[in-house]
PDB file of all heavy atoms in Angstrom:
ATOM      1  N   SER A   1      -7.082   2.563  -4.028  1.00  0.00           N
ATOM      2  CA  SER A   1      -7.370   3.821  -3.343  1.00  0.00           C
ATOM      3  C   SER A   1      -6.569   3.858  -2.050  1.00  0.00           C
ATOM      4  O   SER A   1      -6.381   2.824  -1.398  1.00  0.00           O
ATOM      5  CB  SER A   1      -8.866   3.930  -3.035  1.00  0.00           C
ATOM      6  OG  SER A   1      -9.161   5.199  -2.465  1.00  0.00           O
ATOM      7  N   MET A   2      -6.094   5.021  -1.692  1.00  0.00           N
ATOM      8  CA  MET A   2      -5.292   5.129  -0.481  1.00  0.00           C
ATOM      9  C   MET A   2      -5.698   6.352   0.323  1.00  0.00           C
ATOM     10  O   MET A   2      -6.208   7.350  -0.200  1.00  0.00           O
ATOM     11  CB  MET A   2      -3.803   5.152  -0.798  1.00  0.00           C
ATOM     12  CG  MET A   2      -3.316   6.397  -1.470  1.00  0.00           C
ATOM     13  SD  MET A   2      -2.621   7.572  -0.299  1.00  0.00           S
ATOM     14  CE  MET A   2      -2.540   9.032  -1.324  1.00  0.00           C
ATOM     15  N   CYS A   3      -5.439   6.257   1.635  1.00  0.00           N
ATOM     16  CA  CYS A   3      -5.701   7.352   2.559  1.00  0.00           C
ATOM     17  C   CYS A   3      -4.451   7.540   3.416  1.00  0.00           C
ATOM     18  O   CYS A   3      -4.096   6.660   4.208  1.00  0.00           O
ATOM     19  CB  CYS A   3      -6.913   7.036   3.439  1.00  0.00           C
ATOM     20  SG  CYS A   3      -7.286   8.314   4.669  1.00  0.00           S
ATOM     21  N   LEU A   4      -3.767   8.644   3.238  1.00  0.00           N
ATOM     22  CA  LEU A   4      -2.520   8.908   3.950  1.00  0.00           C
ATOM     23  C   LEU A   4      -2.800   9.306   5.395  1.00  0.00           C
ATOM     24  O   LEU A   4      -3.645  10.157   5.659  1.00  0.00           O
ATOM     25  CB  LEU A   4      -1.743  10.018   3.254  1.00  0.00           C
ATOM     26  CG  LEU A   4      -0.360  10.316   3.827  1.00  0.00           C
ATOM     27  CD1 LEU A   4       0.615   9.207   3.460  1.00  0.00           C
ATOM     28  CD2 LEU A   4       0.142  11.654   3.317  1.00  0.00           C
ATOM     29  N   LEU A   5      -2.073   8.693   6.329  1.00  0.00           N
ATOM     30  CA  LEU A   5      -2.188   9.038   7.743  1.00  0.00           C
ATOM     31  C   LEU A   5      -1.016   9.880   8.234  1.00  0.00           C
ATOM     32  O   LEU A   5      -1.184  10.775   9.052  1.00  0.00           O
ATOM     33  CB  LEU A   5      -2.292   7.766   8.593  1.00  0.00           C
ATOM     34  CG  LEU A   5      -3.420   6.795   8.257  1.00  0.00           C
ATOM     35  CD1 LEU A   5      -3.407   5.623   9.224  1.00  0.00           C
ATOM     36  CD2 LEU A   5      -4.770   7.498   8.279  1.00  0.00           C
ATOM     37  N   HIS A   6       0.179   9.558   7.734  1.00  0.00           N
ATOM     38  CA  HIS A   6       1.389  10.271   8.173  1.00  0.00           C
ATOM     39  C   HIS A   6       2.417  10.192   7.058  1.00  0.00           C
ATOM     40  O   HIS A   6       2.541   9.180   6.380  1.00  0.00           O
ATOM     41  CB  HIS A   6       1.969   9.621   9.439  1.00  0.00           C
ATOM     42  CG  HIS A   6       3.352  10.110   9.767  1.00  0.00           C
ATOM     43  ND1 HIS A   6       3.585  11.207  10.565  1.00  0.00           N
ATOM     44  CD2 HIS A   6       4.577   9.650   9.395  1.00  0.00           C
ATOM     45  CE1 HIS A   6       4.888  11.400  10.681  1.00  0.00           C
ATOM     46  NE2 HIS A   6       5.508  10.477   9.976  1.00  0.00           N
ATOM     47  N   ALA A   7       3.177  11.290   6.877  1.00  0.00           N
ATOM     48  CA  ALA A   7       4.288  11.269   5.928  1.00  0.00           C
ATOM     49  C   ALA A   7       5.345  12.267   6.357  1.00  0.00           C
ATOM     50  O   ALA A   7       5.025  13.372   6.793  1.00  0.00           O
ATOM     51  CB  ALA A   7       3.812  11.596   4.518  1.00  0.00           C
ATOM     52  N   SER A   8       6.597  11.864   6.267  1.00  0.00           N
ATOM     53  CA  SER A   8       7.723  12.760   6.505  1.00  0.00           C
ATOM     54  C   SER A   8       8.737  12.478   5.411  1.00  0.00           C
ATOM     55  O   SER A   8       8.468  11.719   4.471  1.00  0.00           O
ATOM     56  CB  SER A   8       8.321  12.518   7.895  1.00  0.00           C
ATOM     57  OG  SER A   8       8.974  11.266   7.945  1.00  0.00           O
ATOM     58  N   LEU A   9       9.933  13.059   5.519  1.00  0.00           N
ATOM     59  CA  LEU A   9      10.943  12.852   4.493  1.00  0.00           C
ATOM     60  C   LEU A   9      11.451  11.417   4.461  1.00  0.00           C
ATOM     61  O   LEU A   9      12.047  10.996   3.474  1.00  0.00           O
ATOM     62  CB  LEU A   9      12.112  13.810   4.710  1.00  0.00           C
ATOM     63  CG  LEU A   9      11.794  15.290   4.477  1.00  0.00           C
ATOM     64  CD1 LEU A   9      13.011  16.134   4.791  1.00  0.00           C
ATOM     65  CD2 LEU A   9      11.318  15.527   3.062  1.00  0.00           C
ATOM     66  N   THR A  10      11.264  10.651   5.523  1.00  0.00           N
ATOM     67  CA  THR A  10      11.860   9.318   5.583  1.00  0.00           C
ATOM     68  C   THR A  10      10.874   8.199   5.864  1.00  0.00           C
ATOM     69  O   THR A  10      11.272   7.028   5.866  1.00  0.00           O
ATOM     70  CB  THR A  10      12.952   9.272   6.677  1.00  0.00           C
ATOM     71  OG1 THR A  10      12.398   9.733   7.914  1.00  0.00           O
ATOM     72  CG2 THR A  10      14.141  10.143   6.293  1.00  0.00           C
ATOM     73  N   GLU A  11       9.609   8.490   6.124  1.00  0.00           N
ATOM     74  CA  GLU A  11       8.658   7.410   6.427  1.00  0.00           C
ATOM     75  C   GLU A  11       7.234   7.870   6.157  1.00  0.00           C
ATOM     76  O   GLU A  11       6.957   9.070   6.069  1.00  0.00           O
ATOM     77  CB  GLU A  11       8.791   6.974   7.892  1.00  0.00           C
ATOM     78  CG  GLU A  11       8.544   8.084   8.895  1.00  0.00           C
ATOM     79  CD  GLU A  11       8.760   7.647  10.337  1.00  0.00           C
ATOM     80  OE1 GLU A  11       8.505   6.482  10.662  1.00  0.00           O
ATOM     81  OE2 GLU A  11       9.192   8.498  11.126  1.00  0.00           O
ATOM     82  N   TYR A  12       6.346   6.880   6.009  1.00  0.00           N
ATOM     83  CA  TYR A  12       4.929   7.197   5.844  1.00  0.00           C
ATOM     84  C   TYR A  12       4.089   6.025   6.327  1.00  0.00           C
ATOM     85  O   TYR A  12       4.557   4.877   6.405  1.00  0.00           O
ATOM     86  CB  TYR A  12       4.601   7.527   4.380  1.00  0.00           C
ATOM     87  CG  TYR A  12       4.696   6.350   3.439  1.00  0.00           C
ATOM     88  CD1 TYR A  12       3.596   5.516   3.219  1.00  0.00           C
ATOM     89  CD2 TYR A  12       5.877   6.071   2.760  1.00  0.00           C
ATOM     90  CE1 TYR A  12       3.673   4.438   2.348  1.00  0.00           C
ATOM     91  CE2 TYR A  12       5.961   4.995   1.897  1.00  0.00           C
ATOM     92  CZ  TYR A  12       4.865   4.180   1.692  1.00  0.00           C
ATOM     93  OH  TYR A  12       4.951   3.109   0.841  1.00  0.00           O
ATOM     94  N   VAL A  13       2.830   6.306   6.665  1.00  0.00           N
ATOM     95  CA  VAL A  13       1.842   5.300   7.052  1.00  0.00           C
ATOM     96  C   VAL A  13       0.550   5.648   6.315  1.00  0.00           C
ATOM     97  O   VAL A  13       0.144   6.811   6.298  1.00  0.00           O
ATOM     98  CB  VAL A  13       1.586   5.289   8.574  1.00  0.00           C
ATOM     99  CG1 VAL A  13       0.533   4.231   8.929  1.00  0.00           C
ATOM    100  CG2 VAL A  13       2.872   5.022   9.333  1.00  0.00           C
ATOM    101  N   LEU A  14      -0.089   4.649   5.716  1.00  0.00           N
ATOM    102  CA  LEU A  14      -1.326   4.905   4.986  1.00  0.00           C
ATOM    103  C   LEU A  14      -2.208   3.666   4.971  1.00  0.00           C
ATOM    104  O   LEU A  14      -1.770   2.559   5.296  1.00  0.00           O
ATOM    105  CB  LEU A  14      -1.026   5.387   3.563  1.00  0.00           C
ATOM    106  CG  LEU A  14      -0.167   4.497   2.648  1.00  0.00           C
ATOM    107  CD1 LEU A  14      -1.001   3.413   1.978  1.00  0.00           C
ATOM    108  CD2 LEU A  14       0.508   5.343   1.575  1.00  0.00           C
ATOM    109  N   LEU A  15      -3.458   3.892   4.592  1.00  0.00           N
ATOM    110  CA  LEU A  15      -4.432   2.824   4.388  1.00  0.00           C
ATOM    111  C   LEU A  15      -4.582   2.641   2.886  1.00  0.00           C
ATOM    112  O   LEU A  15      -4.596   3.613   2.132  1.00  0.00           O
ATOM    113  CB  LEU A  15      -5.774   3.196   5.015  1.00  0.00           C
ATOM    114  CG  LEU A  15      -5.726   3.707   6.463  1.00  0.00           C
ATOM    115  CD1 LEU A  15      -7.116   4.158   6.909  1.00  0.00           C
ATOM    116  CD2 LEU A  15      -5.174   2.633   7.396  1.00  0.00           C
ATOM    117  N   PHE A  16      -4.707   1.387   2.462  1.00  0.00           N
ATOM    118  CA  PHE A  16      -4.762   1.124   1.026  1.00  0.00           C
ATOM    119  C   PHE A  16      -5.687  -0.046   0.752  1.00  0.00           C
ATOM    120  O   PHE A  16      -5.842  -0.950   1.581  1.00  0.00           O
ATOM    121  CB  PHE A  16      -3.362   0.811   0.484  1.00  0.00           C
ATOM    122  CG  PHE A  16      -3.352   0.480  -0.978  1.00  0.00           C
ATOM    123  CD1 PHE A  16      -3.386   1.482  -1.921  1.00  0.00           C
ATOM    124  CD2 PHE A  16      -3.344  -0.840  -1.409  1.00  0.00           C
ATOM    125  CE1 PHE A  16      -3.407   1.187  -3.276  1.00  0.00           C
ATOM    126  CE2 PHE A  16      -3.363  -1.152  -2.759  1.00  0.00           C
ATOM    127  CZ  PHE A  16      -3.397  -0.127  -3.700  1.00  0.00           C
ATOM    128  N   GLY A  17      -6.296  -0.043  -0.427  1.00  0.00           N
ATOM    129  CA  GLY A  17      -7.128  -1.175  -0.802  1.00  0.00           C
ATOM    130  C   GLY A  17      -7.867  -0.943  -2.096  1.00  0.00           C
ATOM    131  O   GLY A  17      -7.661   0.059  -2.795  1.00  0.00           O
ATOM    132  N   THR A  18      -8.746  -1.885  -2.436  1.00  0.00           N
ATOM    133  CA  THR A  18      -9.511  -1.809  -3.670  1.00  0.00           C
ATOM    134  C   THR A  18     -10.876  -2.452  -3.482  1.00  0.00           C
ATOM    135  O   THR A  18     -11.004  -3.449  -2.759  1.00  0.00           O
ATOM    136  CB  THR A  18      -8.766  -2.492  -4.831  1.00  0.00           C
ATOM    137  OG1 THR A  18      -9.595  -2.489  -5.997  1.00  0.00           O
ATOM    138  CG2 THR A  18      -8.399  -3.923  -4.481  1.00  0.00           C
ATOM    139  N   ALA A  19     -11.864  -1.884  -4.130  1.00  0.00           N
ATOM    140  CA  ALA A  19     -13.212  -2.443  -4.080  1.00  0.00           C
ATOM    141  C   ALA A  19     -13.484  -3.368  -5.256  1.00  0.00           C
ATOM    142  O   ALA A  19     -14.552  -3.978  -5.320  1.00  0.00           O
ATOM    143  CB  ALA A  19     -14.241  -1.318  -4.060  1.00  0.00           C
ATOM    144  N   VAL A  20     -12.527  -3.469  -6.199  1.00  0.00           N
ATOM    145  CA  VAL A  20     -12.687  -4.338  -7.364  1.00  0.00           C
ATOM    146  C   VAL A  20     -11.421  -5.173  -7.548  1.00  0.00           C
ATOM    147  O   VAL A  20     -10.358  -4.841  -7.015  1.00  0.00           O
ATOM    148  CB  VAL A  20     -12.959  -3.515  -8.643  1.00  0.00           C
ATOM    149  CG1 VAL A  20     -14.246  -2.710  -8.499  1.00  0.00           C
ATOM    150  CG2 VAL A  20     -11.794  -2.586  -8.948  1.00  0.00           C
ATOM    151  N   ASP A  21     -11.526  -6.251  -8.308  1.00  0.00           N
ATOM    152  CA  ASP A  21     -10.335  -7.043  -8.628  1.00  0.00           C
ATOM    153  C   ASP A  21      -9.379  -6.195  -9.460  1.00  0.00           C
ATOM    154  O   ASP A  21      -9.792  -5.513 -10.408  1.00  0.00           O
ATOM    155  CB  ASP A  21     -10.721  -8.292  -9.424  1.00  0.00           C
ATOM    156  CG  ASP A  21     -11.580  -9.261  -8.620  1.00  0.00           C
ATOM    157  OD1 ASP A  21     -11.430  -9.285  -7.389  1.00  0.00           O
ATOM    158  OD2 ASP A  21     -12.388  -9.982  -9.233  1.00  0.00           O
ATOM    159  N   THR A  22      -8.096  -6.233  -9.114  1.00  0.00           N
ATOM    160  CA  THR A  22      -7.108  -5.468  -9.860  1.00  0.00           C
ATOM    161  C   THR A  22      -5.734  -6.096  -9.684  1.00  0.00           C
ATOM    162  O   THR A  22      -5.491  -6.828  -8.717  1.00  0.00           O
ATOM    163  CB  THR A  22      -7.087  -3.993  -9.401  1.00  0.00           C
ATOM    164  OG1 THR A  22      -6.259  -3.234 -10.286  1.00  0.00           O
ATOM    165  CG2 THR A  22      -6.563  -3.859  -7.976  1.00  0.00           C
ATOM    166  N   GLY A  23      -4.820  -5.818 -10.596  1.00  0.00           N
ATOM    167  CA  GLY A  23      -3.477  -6.381 -10.516  1.00  0.00           C
ATOM    168  C   GLY A  23      -2.570  -5.791 -11.570  1.00  0.00           C
ATOM    169  O   GLY A  23      -3.008  -5.096 -12.493  1.00  0.00           O
ATOM    170  N   GLY A  24      -1.271  -6.040 -11.438  1.00  0.00           N
ATOM    171  CA  GLY A  24      -0.288  -5.535 -12.388  1.00  0.00           C
ATOM    172  C   GLY A  24       1.120  -5.618 -11.829  1.00  0.00           C
ATOM    173  O   GLY A  24       1.455  -6.530 -11.071  1.00  0.00           O
ATOM    174  N   HIS A  25       1.946  -4.642 -12.164  1.00  0.00           N
ATOM    175  CA  HIS A  25       3.352  -4.587 -11.759  1.00  0.00           C
ATOM    176  C   HIS A  25       3.496  -3.744 -10.497  1.00  0.00           C
ATOM    177  O   HIS A  25       2.902  -2.671 -10.390  1.00  0.00           O
ATOM    178  CB  HIS A  25       4.187  -3.969 -12.889  1.00  0.00           C
ATOM    179  CG  HIS A  25       5.668  -4.108 -12.710  1.00  0.00           C
ATOM    180  ND1 HIS A  25       6.382  -3.315 -11.847  1.00  0.00           N
ATOM    181  CD2 HIS A  25       6.566  -4.944 -13.292  1.00  0.00           C
ATOM    182  CE1 HIS A  25       7.668  -3.648 -11.901  1.00  0.00           C
ATOM    183  NE2 HIS A  25       7.802  -4.630 -12.782  1.00  0.00           N
ATOM    184  N   SER A  26       4.279  -4.229  -9.553  1.00  0.00           N
ATOM    185  CA  SER A  26       4.418  -3.530  -8.272  1.00  0.00           C
ATOM    186  C   SER A  26       5.195  -2.225  -8.394  1.00  0.00           C
ATOM    187  O   SER A  26       4.931  -1.257  -7.682  1.00  0.00           O
ATOM    188  CB  SER A  26       5.129  -4.424  -7.256  1.00  0.00           C
ATOM    189  OG  SER A  26       6.484  -4.643  -7.657  1.00  0.00           O
ATOM    190  N   GLY A  27       6.183  -2.193  -9.304  1.00  0.00           N
ATOM    191  CA  GLY A  27       7.131  -1.085  -9.339  1.00  0.00           C
ATOM    192  C   GLY A  27       8.331  -1.392  -8.469  1.00  0.00           C
ATOM    193  O   GLY A  27       8.318  -2.330  -7.672  1.00  0.00           O
ATOM    194  N   ARG A  28       9.395  -0.618  -8.638  1.00  0.00           N
ATOM    195  CA  ARG A  28      10.601  -0.743  -7.818  1.00  0.00           C
ATOM    196  C   ARG A  28      10.779   0.557  -7.039  1.00  0.00           C
ATOM    197  O   ARG A  28      10.613   1.638  -7.593  1.00  0.00           O
ATOM    198  CB  ARG A  28      11.842  -0.986  -8.682  1.00  0.00           C
ATOM    199  CG  ARG A  28      11.798  -2.238  -9.536  1.00  0.00           C
ATOM    200  CD  ARG A  28      13.076  -2.370 -10.346  1.00  0.00           C
ATOM    201  NE  ARG A  28      12.951  -3.346 -11.400  1.00  0.00           N
ATOM    202  CZ  ARG A  28      13.303  -4.630 -11.288  1.00  0.00           C
ATOM    203  NH1 ARG A  28      13.802  -5.059 -10.141  1.00  0.00           N
ATOM    204  NH2 ARG A  28      13.162  -5.461 -12.294  1.00  0.00           N
ATOM    205  N   TYR A  29      11.173   0.428  -5.759  1.00  0.00           N
ATOM    206  CA  TYR A  29      11.246   1.615  -4.903  1.00  0.00           C
ATOM    207  C   TYR A  29      12.564   1.639  -4.131  1.00  0.00           C
ATOM    208  O   TYR A  29      13.148   0.605  -3.851  1.00  0.00           O
ATOM    209  CB  TYR A  29      10.082   1.631  -3.909  1.00  0.00           C
ATOM    210  CG  TYR A  29       8.741   1.409  -4.557  1.00  0.00           C
ATOM    211  CD1 TYR A  29       8.059   0.206  -4.404  1.00  0.00           C
ATOM    212  CD2 TYR A  29       8.166   2.393  -5.337  1.00  0.00           C
ATOM    213  CE1 TYR A  29       6.833  -0.003  -5.019  1.00  0.00           C
ATOM    214  CE2 TYR A  29       6.946   2.202  -5.950  1.00  0.00           C
ATOM    215  CZ  TYR A  29       6.280   1.003  -5.778  1.00  0.00           C
ATOM    216  OH  TYR A  29       5.082   0.804  -6.395  1.00  0.00           O
ATOM    217  N   TRP A  30      12.989   2.844  -3.785  1.00  0.00           N
ATOM    218  CA  TRP A  30      14.134   3.007  -2.894  1.00  0.00           C
ATOM    219  C   TRP A  30      13.619   3.078  -1.466  1.00  0.00           C
ATOM    220  O   TRP A  30      13.945   3.978  -0.709  1.00  0.00           O
ATOM    221  CB  TRP A  30      14.903   4.275  -3.250  1.00  0.00           C
ATOM    222  CG  TRP A  30      15.673   4.154  -4.526  1.00  0.00           C
ATOM    223  CD1 TRP A  30      15.670   3.095  -5.402  1.00  0.00           C
ATOM    224  CD2 TRP A  30      16.566   5.114  -5.074  1.00  0.00           C
ATOM    225  NE1 TRP A  30      16.486   3.342  -6.458  1.00  0.00           N
ATOM    226  CE2 TRP A  30      17.061   4.577  -6.285  1.00  0.00           C
ATOM    227  CE3 TRP A  30      16.989   6.378  -4.669  1.00  0.00           C
ATOM    228  CZ2 TRP A  30      17.969   5.264  -7.093  1.00  0.00           C
ATOM    229  CZ3 TRP A  30      17.880   7.058  -5.471  1.00  0.00           C
ATOM    230  CH2 TRP A  30      18.369   6.507  -6.661  1.00  0.00           C
ATOM    231  N   ALA A  31      12.815   2.131  -1.099  1.00  0.00           N
ATOM    232  CA  ALA A  31      12.217   2.109   0.236  1.00  0.00           C
ATOM    233  C   ALA A  31      11.804   0.682   0.560  1.00  0.00           C
ATOM    234  O   ALA A  31      11.517  -0.121  -0.340  1.00  0.00           O
ATOM    235  CB  ALA A  31      11.010   3.026   0.299  1.00  0.00           C
ATOM    236  N   ASP A  32      11.785   0.357   1.851  1.00  0.00           N
ATOM    237  CA  ASP A  32      11.221  -0.909   2.337  1.00  0.00           C
ATOM    238  C   ASP A  32       9.769  -0.656   2.694  1.00  0.00           C
ATOM    239  O   ASP A  32       9.469   0.245   3.485  1.00  0.00           O
ATOM    240  CB  ASP A  32      11.998  -1.414   3.555  1.00  0.00           C
ATOM    241  CG  ASP A  32      13.429  -1.822   3.205  1.00  0.00           C
ATOM    242  OD1 ASP A  32      13.652  -2.236   2.059  1.00  0.00           O
ATOM    243  OD2 ASP A  32      14.308  -1.721   4.072  1.00  0.00           O
ATOM    244  N   ILE A  33       8.868  -1.442   2.129  1.00  0.00           N
ATOM    245  CA  ILE A  33       7.433  -1.232   2.308  1.00  0.00           C
ATOM    246  C   ILE A  33       6.807  -2.500   2.864  1.00  0.00           C
ATOM    247  O   ILE A  33       7.091  -3.604   2.385  1.00  0.00           O
ATOM    248  CB  ILE A  33       6.768  -0.867   0.972  1.00  0.00           C
ATOM    249  CG1 ILE A  33       7.405   0.406   0.401  1.00  0.00           C
ATOM    250  CG2 ILE A  33       5.265  -0.686   1.147  1.00  0.00           C
ATOM    251  CD1 ILE A  33       6.969   0.717  -1.010  1.00  0.00           C
ATOM    252  N   SER A  34       5.970  -2.358   3.891  1.00  0.00           N
ATOM    253  CA  SER A  34       5.258  -3.508   4.453  1.00  0.00           C
ATOM    254  C   SER A  34       3.760  -3.238   4.425  1.00  0.00           C
ATOM    255  O   SER A  34       3.318  -2.116   4.670  1.00  0.00           O
ATOM    256  CB  SER A  34       5.724  -3.790   5.886  1.00  0.00           C
ATOM    257  OG  SER A  34       5.330  -2.744   6.755  1.00  0.00           O
ATOM    258  N   ASN A  35       2.990  -4.269   4.102  1.00  0.00           N
ATOM    259  CA  ASN A  35       1.529  -4.186   4.065  1.00  0.00           C
ATOM    260  C   ASN A  35       0.953  -5.322   4.898  1.00  0.00           C
ATOM    261  O   ASN A  35       1.377  -6.478   4.747  1.00  0.00           O
ATOM    262  CB  ASN A  35       1.019  -4.309   2.630  1.00  0.00           C
ATOM    263  CG  ASN A  35       1.360  -3.103   1.790  1.00  0.00           C
ATOM    264  OD1 ASN A  35       0.635  -2.125   1.760  1.00  0.00           O
ATOM    265  ND2 ASN A  35       2.489  -3.170   1.090  1.00  0.00           N
ATOM    266  N   THR A  36       0.002  -5.014   5.751  1.00  0.00           N
ATOM    267  CA  THR A  36      -0.696  -6.033   6.538  1.00  0.00           C
ATOM    268  C   THR A  36      -2.159  -6.049   6.111  1.00  0.00           C
ATOM    269  O   THR A  36      -2.831  -5.016   6.123  1.00  0.00           O
ATOM    270  CB  THR A  36      -0.578  -5.747   8.040  1.00  0.00           C
ATOM    271  OG1 THR A  36       0.806  -5.716   8.402  1.00  0.00           O
ATOM    272  CG2 THR A  36      -1.281  -6.834   8.840  1.00  0.00           C
ATOM    273  N   VAL A  37      -2.623  -7.247   5.732  1.00  0.00           N
ATOM    274  CA  VAL A  37      -3.962  -7.384   5.172  1.00  0.00           C
ATOM    275  C   VAL A  37      -5.015  -7.330   6.281  1.00  0.00           C
ATOM    276  O   VAL A  37      -4.904  -8.021   7.293  1.00  0.00           O
ATOM    277  CB  VAL A  37      -4.089  -8.712   4.395  1.00  0.00           C
ATOM    278  CG1 VAL A  37      -5.487  -8.845   3.792  1.00  0.00           C
ATOM    279  CG2 VAL A  37      -3.015  -8.801   3.311  1.00  0.00           C
ATOM    280  N   ILE A  38      -6.035  -6.498   6.082  1.00  0.00           N
ATOM    281  CA  ILE A  38      -7.172  -6.400   7.005  1.00  0.00           C
ATOM    282  C   ILE A  38      -8.315  -7.287   6.528  1.00  0.00           C
ATOM    283  O   ILE A  38      -8.946  -8.009   7.307  1.00  0.00           O
ATOM    284  CB  ILE A  38      -7.659  -4.944   7.126  1.00  0.00           C
ATOM    285  CG1 ILE A  38      -6.553  -4.061   7.735  1.00  0.00           C
ATOM    286  CG2 ILE A  38      -8.927  -4.868   7.977  1.00  0.00           C
ATOM    287  CD1 ILE A  38      -6.187  -4.413   9.156  1.00  0.00           C
ATOM    288  N   SER A  39      -8.588  -7.242   5.222  1.00  0.00           N
ATOM    289  CA  SER A  39      -9.656  -8.062   4.651  1.00  0.00           C
ATOM    290  C   SER A  39      -9.300  -8.415   3.217  1.00  0.00           C
ATOM    291  O   SER A  39      -8.464  -7.748   2.589  1.00  0.00           O
ATOM    292  CB  SER A  39     -10.996  -7.320   4.699  1.00  0.00           C
ATOM    293  OG  SER A  39     -10.939  -6.155   3.890  1.00  0.00           O
ATOM    294  N   GLY A  40      -9.942  -9.468   2.682  1.00  0.00           N
ATOM    295  CA  GLY A  40      -9.690  -9.872   1.303  1.00  0.00           C
ATOM    296  C   GLY A  40      -8.434 -10.705   1.168  1.00  0.00           C
ATOM    297  O   GLY A  40      -7.901 -11.243   2.146  1.00  0.00           O
ATOM    298  N   THR A  41      -7.928 -10.808  -0.056  1.00  0.00           N
ATOM    299  CA  THR A  41      -6.716 -11.592  -0.330  1.00  0.00           C
ATOM    300  C   THR A  41      -5.792 -10.815  -1.261  1.00  0.00           C
ATOM    301  O   THR A  41      -6.253 -10.047  -2.119  1.00  0.00           O
ATOM    302  CB  THR A  41      -7.051 -12.946  -0.985  1.00  0.00           C
ATOM    303  OG1 THR A  41      -7.758 -12.721  -2.217  1.00  0.00           O
ATOM    304  CG2 THR A  41      -7.882 -13.809  -0.050  1.00  0.00           C
ATOM    305  N   PHE A  42      -4.512 -11.051  -1.078  1.00  0.00           N
ATOM    306  CA  PHE A  42      -3.488 -10.409  -1.906  1.00  0.00           C
ATOM    307  C   PHE A  42      -2.562 -11.498  -2.438  1.00  0.00           C
ATOM    308  O   PHE A  42      -2.076 -12.336  -1.678  1.00  0.00           O
ATOM    309  CB  PHE A  42      -2.691  -9.398  -1.077  1.00  0.00           C
ATOM    310  CG  PHE A  42      -1.512  -8.807  -1.800  1.00  0.00           C
ATOM    311  CD1 PHE A  42      -1.695  -7.834  -2.764  1.00  0.00           C
ATOM    312  CD2 PHE A  42      -0.220  -9.214  -1.508  1.00  0.00           C
ATOM    313  CE1 PHE A  42      -0.614  -7.285  -3.429  1.00  0.00           C
ATOM    314  CE2 PHE A  42       0.870  -8.665  -2.153  1.00  0.00           C
ATOM    315  CZ  PHE A  42       0.669  -7.693  -3.126  1.00  0.00           C
ATOM    316  N   GLN A  43      -2.321 -11.482  -3.745  1.00  0.00           N
ATOM    317  CA  GLN A  43      -1.456 -12.486  -4.373  1.00  0.00           C
ATOM    318  C   GLN A  43      -0.224 -11.803  -4.943  1.00  0.00           C
ATOM    319  O   GLN A  43      -0.327 -10.750  -5.584  1.00  0.00           O
ATOM    320  CB  GLN A  43      -2.204 -13.229  -5.478  1.00  0.00           C
ATOM    321  CG  GLN A  43      -1.431 -14.426  -6.039  1.00  0.00           C
ATOM    322  CD  GLN A  43      -2.289 -15.271  -6.971  1.00  0.00           C
ATOM    323  OE1 GLN A  43      -3.415 -14.898  -7.322  1.00  0.00           O
ATOM    324  NE2 GLN A  43      -1.786 -16.412  -7.370  1.00  0.00           N
TER     325      GLN A  43
END
């Protein structure tokens, strides 16, 4: 689930997470993406 805070043609900021265990393929993007963990674990 995600909550968008800001988006323009070249950048965005959002909140993201899950209340259940989940996983799969990340996908490939024409963008550099960074995520900083607030709680839980990410593998």
